[in-house]
Amino acid sequence: MTNSNSPRGLTRRQLLSRSAAAGAGFVVGVGFVAAPNAAWAKEMVALKPETFATLVQMARDIYPHDRIADENYVIAVKGYDTTEAAPAIEAGIASLDAAARGQGFASYIDTGWERDRVDILRGMEDSAFFQQIRGGLVTGLYNQKAVWPIFGYEGASYEQGGYIDRGFNDINWL
């Protein structure tokens, strides 16, 4: 447990009390981001906590899946929290905030208006920043073994002799 005066951030008790007070969205503290309704927290390396929280919400809005936990989206975007990537990500999130009618993209996270967030993202979908995040999410999110069962994917079959002898023809979702 850390001291509340510690540069590392909040104590567990402070995190829980602030999480309860926040109600919805992300709790952003000194050097970390946490979701009040989830059991994860992420310490930042190079990105501002607010930027990382917005990046996680952006990922969820680009590839929305109600059955995938926020933790999996955090894992998918944590690769952008590096000193090399941080300047481009901070600039990209700043442009996302600017596109949010001067209110900032995070204000739409707090209000929960998904349609407004998606409209903002559609407006910038041709940008290099958006394409970088979208492209990274394809592998960052869907290559996680934890999400495979949600989509009915059993994983690679080559270790078990291939698909032909393992139910290749048992497709029941068509």
C-alpha atoms as a PDB file:
ATOM      1  CA  MET A   1       0.000   0.000   0.000  1.00  0.00           C
ATOM      2  CA  THR A   2       1.331   3.434  -0.850  1.00  0.00           C
ATOM      3  CA  ASN A   3       1.115   6.594   1.158  1.00  0.00           C
ATOM      4  CA  SER A   4      -1.345   9.159  -0.220  1.00  0.00           C
ATOM      5  CA  ASN A   5       1.541  11.629  -0.388  1.00  0.00           C
ATOM      6  CA  SER A   6       3.529   9.147  -2.431  1.00  0.00           C
ATOM      7  CA  PRO A   7       4.390  10.102  -6.009  1.00  0.00           C
ATOM      8  CA  ARG A   8       3.168   6.628  -7.067  1.00  0.00           C
ATOM      9  CA  GLY A   9      -0.462   7.549  -6.520  1.00  0.00           C
ATOM     10  CA  LEU A  10      -3.382   6.572  -4.343  1.00  0.00           C
ATOM     11  CA  THR A  11      -3.836   3.968  -1.682  1.00  0.00           C
ATOM     12  CA  ARG A  12      -6.208   1.093  -2.346  1.00  0.00           C
ATOM     13  CA  ARG A  13      -8.760   2.673   0.009  1.00  0.00           C
ATOM     14  CA  GLN A  14      -8.564   5.988  -1.868  1.00  0.00           C
ATOM     15  CA  LEU A  15      -8.941   4.204  -5.198  1.00  0.00           C
ATOM     16  CA  LEU A  16     -12.059   2.391  -4.027  1.00  0.00           C
ATOM     17  CA  SER A  17     -13.637   5.499  -2.520  1.00  0.00           C
ATOM     18  CA  ARG A  18     -12.980   7.549  -5.653  1.00  0.00           C
ATOM     19  CA  SER A  19     -14.245   4.725  -7.826  1.00  0.00           C
ATOM     20  CA  ALA A  20     -17.505   4.608  -5.922  1.00  0.00           C
ATOM     21  CA  ALA A  21     -17.823   8.388  -6.132  1.00  0.00           C
ATOM     22  CA  ALA A  22     -17.196   8.405  -9.870  1.00  0.00           C
ATOM     23  CA  GLY A  23     -20.111   6.111 -10.582  1.00  0.00           C
ATOM     24  CA  ALA A  24     -19.395   5.628 -14.276  1.00  0.00           C
ATOM     25  CA  GLY A  25     -16.527   5.999 -16.665  1.00  0.00           C
ATOM     26  CA  PHE A  26     -12.898   5.730 -15.693  1.00  0.00           C
ATOM     27  CA  VAL A  27     -11.138   6.834 -12.537  1.00  0.00           C
ATOM     28  CA  VAL A  28      -8.063   8.785 -13.489  1.00  0.00           C
ATOM     29  CA  GLY A  29      -5.448   9.371 -10.843  1.00  0.00           C
ATOM     30  CA  VAL A  30      -1.793  10.205 -10.591  1.00  0.00           C
ATOM     31  CA  GLY A  31      -0.132   7.819 -13.018  1.00  0.00           C
ATOM     32  CA  PHE A  32      -2.914   5.252 -13.359  1.00  0.00           C
ATOM     33  CA  VAL A  33      -6.332   4.592 -14.829  1.00  0.00           C
ATOM     34  CA  ALA A  34      -8.969   2.290 -13.353  1.00  0.00           C
ATOM     35  CA  ALA A  35     -12.540   1.388 -14.181  1.00  0.00           C
ATOM     36  CA  PRO A  36     -14.842   1.600 -11.155  1.00  0.00           C
ATOM     37  CA  ASN A  37     -16.924  -1.348 -12.318  1.00  0.00           C
ATOM     38  CA  ALA A  38     -14.002  -3.606 -13.213  1.00  0.00           C
ATOM     39  CA  ALA A  39     -11.138  -5.262 -11.433  1.00  0.00           C
ATOM     40  CA  TRP A  40      -8.268  -3.694 -13.329  1.00  0.00           C
ATOM     41  CA  ALA A  41      -5.964  -0.764 -12.992  1.00  0.00           C
ATOM     42  CA  LYS A  42      -3.141   0.317 -15.295  1.00  0.00           C
ATOM     43  CA  GLU A  43      -0.143   2.357 -14.293  1.00  0.00           C
ATOM     44  CA  MET A  44       1.039   4.719 -16.993  1.00  0.00           C
ATOM     45  CA  VAL A  45       4.546   4.774 -18.386  1.00  0.00           C
ATOM     46  CA  ALA A  46       4.488   7.640 -20.884  1.00  0.00           C
ATOM     47  CA  LEU A  47       0.886   8.644 -21.593  1.00  0.00           C
ATOM     48  CA  LYS A  48      -1.188  10.912 -19.394  1.00  0.00           C
ATOM     49  CA  PRO A  49      -3.817   8.897 -17.498  1.00  0.00           C
ATOM     50  CA  GLU A  50      -6.611  10.916 -19.144  1.00  0.00           C
ATOM     51  CA  THR A  51      -5.180  10.132 -22.567  1.00  0.00           C
ATOM     52  CA  PHE A  52      -4.997   6.431 -21.789  1.00  0.00           C
ATOM     53  CA  ALA A  53      -8.592   6.381 -20.490  1.00  0.00           C
ATOM     54  CA  THR A  54      -9.752   8.088 -23.686  1.00  0.00           C
ATOM     55  CA  LEU A  55      -7.732   5.620 -25.757  1.00  0.00           C
ATOM     56  CA  VAL A  56      -9.426   2.681 -24.007  1.00  0.00           C
ATOM     57  CA  GLN A  57     -12.866   4.200 -24.654  1.00  0.00           C
ATOM     58  CA  MET A  58     -11.911   4.883 -28.269  1.00  0.00           C
ATOM     59  CA  ALA A  59     -10.944   1.208 -28.630  1.00  0.00           C
ATOM     60  CA  ARG A  60     -14.259   0.125 -27.154  1.00  0.00           C
ATOM     61  CA  ASP A  61     -16.146   2.430 -29.513  1.00  0.00           C
ATOM     62  CA  ILE A  62     -14.263   1.226 -32.605  1.00  0.00           C
ATOM     63  CA  TYR A  63     -14.800  -2.464 -31.812  1.00  0.00           C
ATOM     64  CA  PRO A  64     -17.779  -2.573 -29.429  1.00  0.00           C
ATOM     65  CA  HIS A  65     -18.439  -5.896 -27.745  1.00  0.00           C
ATOM     66  CA  ASP A  66     -20.568  -5.903 -24.610  1.00  0.00           C
ATOM     67  CA  ARG A  67     -19.189  -9.278 -23.542  1.00  0.00           C
ATOM     68  CA  ILE A  68     -15.527  -8.215 -23.709  1.00  0.00           C
ATOM     69  CA  ALA A  69     -14.241  -6.686 -20.476  1.00  0.00           C
ATOM     70  CA  ASP A  70     -12.508  -3.310 -20.315  1.00  0.00           C
ATOM     71  CA  GLU A  71      -9.386  -5.154 -19.182  1.00  0.00           C
ATOM     72  CA  ASN A  72      -9.085  -6.737 -22.626  1.00  0.00           C
ATOM     73  CA  TYR A  73      -9.303  -3.327 -24.288  1.00  0.00           C
ATOM     74  CA  VAL A  74      -6.604  -2.070 -21.901  1.00  0.00           C
ATOM     75  CA  ILE A  75      -4.375  -4.970 -22.930  1.00  0.00           C
ATOM     76  CA  ALA A  76      -5.072  -4.175 -26.583  1.00  0.00           C
ATOM     77  CA  VAL A  77      -3.905  -0.553 -26.317  1.00  0.00           C
ATOM     78  CA  LYS A  78      -1.198  -0.781 -23.656  1.00  0.00           C
ATOM     79  CA  GLY A  79       1.436  -1.034 -26.392  1.00  0.00           C
ATOM     80  CA  TYR A  80       0.854   2.647 -27.153  1.00  0.00           C
ATOM     81  CA  ASP A  81       2.003   3.640 -23.649  1.00  0.00           C
ATOM     82  CA  THR A  82       5.673   4.005 -24.613  1.00  0.00           C
ATOM     83  CA  THR A  83       7.956   6.992 -24.804  1.00  0.00           C
ATOM     84  CA  GLU A  84       8.268   6.467 -28.566  1.00  0.00           C
ATOM     85  CA  ALA A  85       4.519   6.317 -29.255  1.00  0.00           C
ATOM     86  CA  ALA A  86       3.337   8.825 -26.645  1.00  0.00           C
ATOM     87  CA  PRO A  87       3.793  12.076 -28.645  1.00  0.00           C
ATOM     88  CA  ALA A  88       1.721  10.785 -31.585  1.00  0.00           C
ATOM     89  CA  ILE A  89      -0.943   9.301 -29.309  1.00  0.00           C
ATOM     90  CA  GLU A  90      -1.205  12.474 -27.203  1.00  0.00           C
ATOM     91  CA  ALA A  91      -1.558  14.529 -30.417  1.00  0.00           C
ATOM     92  CA  GLY A  92      -4.146  12.116 -31.798  1.00  0.00           C
ATOM     93  CA  ILE A  93      -6.231  12.239 -28.634  1.00  0.00           C
ATOM     94  CA  ALA A  94      -5.936  16.049 -28.671  1.00  0.00           C
ATOM     95  CA  SER A  95      -7.376  16.073 -32.203  1.00  0.00           C
ATOM     96  CA  LEU A  96     -10.114  13.703 -31.052  1.00  0.00           C
ATOM     97  CA  ASP A  97     -10.914  16.092 -28.192  1.00  0.00           C
ATOM     98  CA  ALA A  98     -10.944  19.047 -30.595  1.00  0.00           C
ATOM     99  CA  ALA A  99     -13.396  17.217 -32.855  1.00  0.00           C
ATOM    100  CA  ALA A 100     -15.761  16.796 -29.901  1.00  0.00           C
ATOM    101  CA  ARG A 101     -17.250  20.262 -30.353  1.00  0.00           C
ATOM    102  CA  GLY A 102     -14.781  21.793 -27.921  1.00  0.00           C
ATOM    103  CA  GLN A 103     -16.061  19.667 -25.034  1.00  0.00           C
ATOM    104  CA  GLY A 104     -13.458  16.935 -25.289  1.00  0.00           C
ATOM    105  CA  PHE A 105     -14.082  13.307 -26.142  1.00  0.00           C
ATOM    106  CA  ALA A 106     -13.915  12.401 -22.431  1.00  0.00           C
ATOM    107  CA  SER A 107     -17.052  14.458 -21.757  1.00  0.00           C
ATOM    108  CA  TYR A 108     -18.945  12.032 -23.971  1.00  0.00           C
ATOM    109  CA  ILE A 109     -17.488   9.150 -21.971  1.00  0.00           C
ATOM    110  CA  ASP A 110     -18.960  10.615 -18.790  1.00  0.00           C
ATOM    111  CA  THR A 111     -22.392  11.147 -20.339  1.00  0.00           C
ATOM    112  CA  GLY A 112     -22.413   7.749 -22.021  1.00  0.00           C
ATOM    113  CA  TRP A 113     -23.597   8.994 -25.407  1.00  0.00           C
ATOM    114  CA  GLU A 114     -22.101   6.282 -27.584  1.00  0.00           C
ATOM    115  CA  ARG A 115     -23.771   7.577 -30.750  1.00  0.00           C
ATOM    116  CA  ASP A 116     -22.063  10.977 -30.327  1.00  0.00           C
ATOM    117  CA  ARG A 117     -18.674   9.321 -29.753  1.00  0.00           C
ATOM    118  CA  VAL A 118     -19.109   7.126 -32.822  1.00  0.00           C
ATOM    119  CA  ASP A 119     -20.051  10.170 -34.936  1.00  0.00           C
ATOM    120  CA  ILE A 120     -16.866  11.910 -33.793  1.00  0.00           C
ATOM    121  CA  LEU A 121     -14.806   8.829 -34.666  1.00  0.00           C
ATOM    122  CA  ARG A 122     -16.469   8.557 -38.090  1.00  0.00           C
ATOM    123  CA  GLY A 123     -15.453  12.139 -38.754  1.00  0.00           C
ATOM    124  CA  MET A 124     -11.805  11.275 -38.263  1.00  0.00           C
ATOM    125  CA  GLU A 125     -11.726   7.720 -39.634  1.00  0.00           C
ATOM    126  CA  ASP A 126      -9.520   8.749 -42.580  1.00  0.00           C
ATOM    127  CA  SER A 127      -6.831  10.178 -40.292  1.00  0.00           C
ATOM    128  CA  ALA A 128      -3.533   8.364 -39.807  1.00  0.00           C
ATOM    129  CA  PHE A 129      -4.113   8.331 -36.036  1.00  0.00           C
ATOM    130  CA  PHE A 130      -7.481   6.596 -36.307  1.00  0.00           C
ATOM    131  CA  GLN A 131      -6.148   4.060 -38.803  1.00  0.00           C
ATOM    132  CA  GLN A 132      -3.162   3.326 -36.546  1.00  0.00           C
ATOM    133  CA  ILE A 133      -5.398   2.620 -33.541  1.00  0.00           C
ATOM    134  CA  ARG A 134      -7.984   0.667 -35.560  1.00  0.00           C
ATOM    135  CA  GLY A 135      -5.307  -1.442 -37.216  1.00  0.00           C
ATOM    136  CA  GLY A 136      -3.536  -2.180 -33.944  1.00  0.00           C
ATOM    137  CA  LEU A 137      -6.786  -3.230 -32.315  1.00  0.00           C
ATOM    138  CA  VAL A 138      -7.401  -5.975 -34.855  1.00  0.00           C
ATOM    139  CA  THR A 139      -4.497  -7.979 -33.487  1.00  0.00           C
ATOM    140  CA  GLY A 140      -4.285  -6.400 -30.036  1.00  0.00           C
ATOM    141  CA  LEU A 141      -7.864  -7.294 -29.147  1.00  0.00           C
ATOM    142  CA  TYR A 142      -8.690 -10.387 -31.150  1.00  0.00           C
ATOM    143  CA  ASN A 143      -5.380 -12.207 -30.558  1.00  0.00           C
ATOM    144  CA  GLN A 144      -6.091 -12.473 -26.842  1.00  0.00           C
ATOM    145  CA  LYS A 145      -6.894 -16.053 -25.891  1.00  0.00           C
ATOM    146  CA  ALA A 146      -9.253 -14.747 -23.199  1.00  0.00           C
ATOM    147  CA  VAL A 147     -11.674 -13.349 -25.815  1.00  0.00           C
ATOM    148  CA  TRP A 148     -11.651 -16.337 -28.179  1.00  0.00           C
ATOM    149  CA  PRO A 149     -14.408 -18.262 -26.377  1.00  0.00           C
ATOM    150  CA  ILE A 150     -16.712 -15.244 -26.676  1.00  0.00           C
ATOM    151  CA  PHE A 151     -16.605 -15.667 -30.446  1.00  0.00           C
ATOM    152  CA  GLY A 152     -16.634 -19.460 -30.422  1.00  0.00           C
ATOM    153  CA  TYR A 153     -13.036 -19.773 -31.588  1.00  0.00           C
ATOM    154  CA  GLU A 154     -11.296 -22.758 -30.057  1.00  0.00           C
ATOM    155  CA  GLY A 155      -7.804 -21.700 -31.063  1.00  0.00           C
ATOM    156  CA  ALA A 156      -5.322 -23.152 -33.481  1.00  0.00           C
ATOM    157  CA  SER A 157      -5.888 -26.764 -34.473  1.00  0.00           C
ATOM    158  CA  TYR A 158      -2.477 -27.737 -35.789  1.00  0.00           C
ATOM    159  CA  GLU A 159      -1.337 -28.909 -32.348  1.00  0.00           C
ATOM    160  CA  GLN A 160      -4.273 -31.334 -32.333  1.00  0.00           C
ATOM    161  CA  GLY A 161      -4.004 -32.705 -35.862  1.00  0.00           C
ATOM    162  CA  GLY A 162      -5.913 -30.077 -37.821  1.00  0.00           C
ATOM    163  CA  TYR A 163      -9.589 -29.334 -38.369  1.00  0.00           C
ATOM    164  CA  ILE A 164     -10.514 -32.217 -40.674  1.00  0.00           C
ATOM    165  CA  ASP A 165     -10.389 -34.804 -37.888  1.00  0.00           C
ATOM    166  CA  ARG A 166     -11.587 -32.404 -35.193  1.00  0.00           C
ATOM    167  CA  GLY A 167     -15.068 -31.353 -36.218  1.00  0.00           C
ATOM    168  CA  PHE A 168     -14.362 -29.487 -39.428  1.00  0.00           C
ATOM    169  CA  ASN A 169     -17.912 -30.215 -40.532  1.00  0.00           C
ATOM    170  CA  ASP A 170     -19.712 -29.509 -37.226  1.00  0.00           C
ATOM    171  CA  ILE A 171     -20.538 -25.927 -38.113  1.00  0.00           C
ATOM    172  CA  ASN A 172     -23.886 -25.062 -36.599  1.00  0.00           C
ATOM    173  CA  TRP A 173     -24.025 -21.296 -36.896  1.00  0.00           C
ATOM    174  CA  LEU A 174     -24.772 -20.988 -40.626  1.00  0.00           C
END
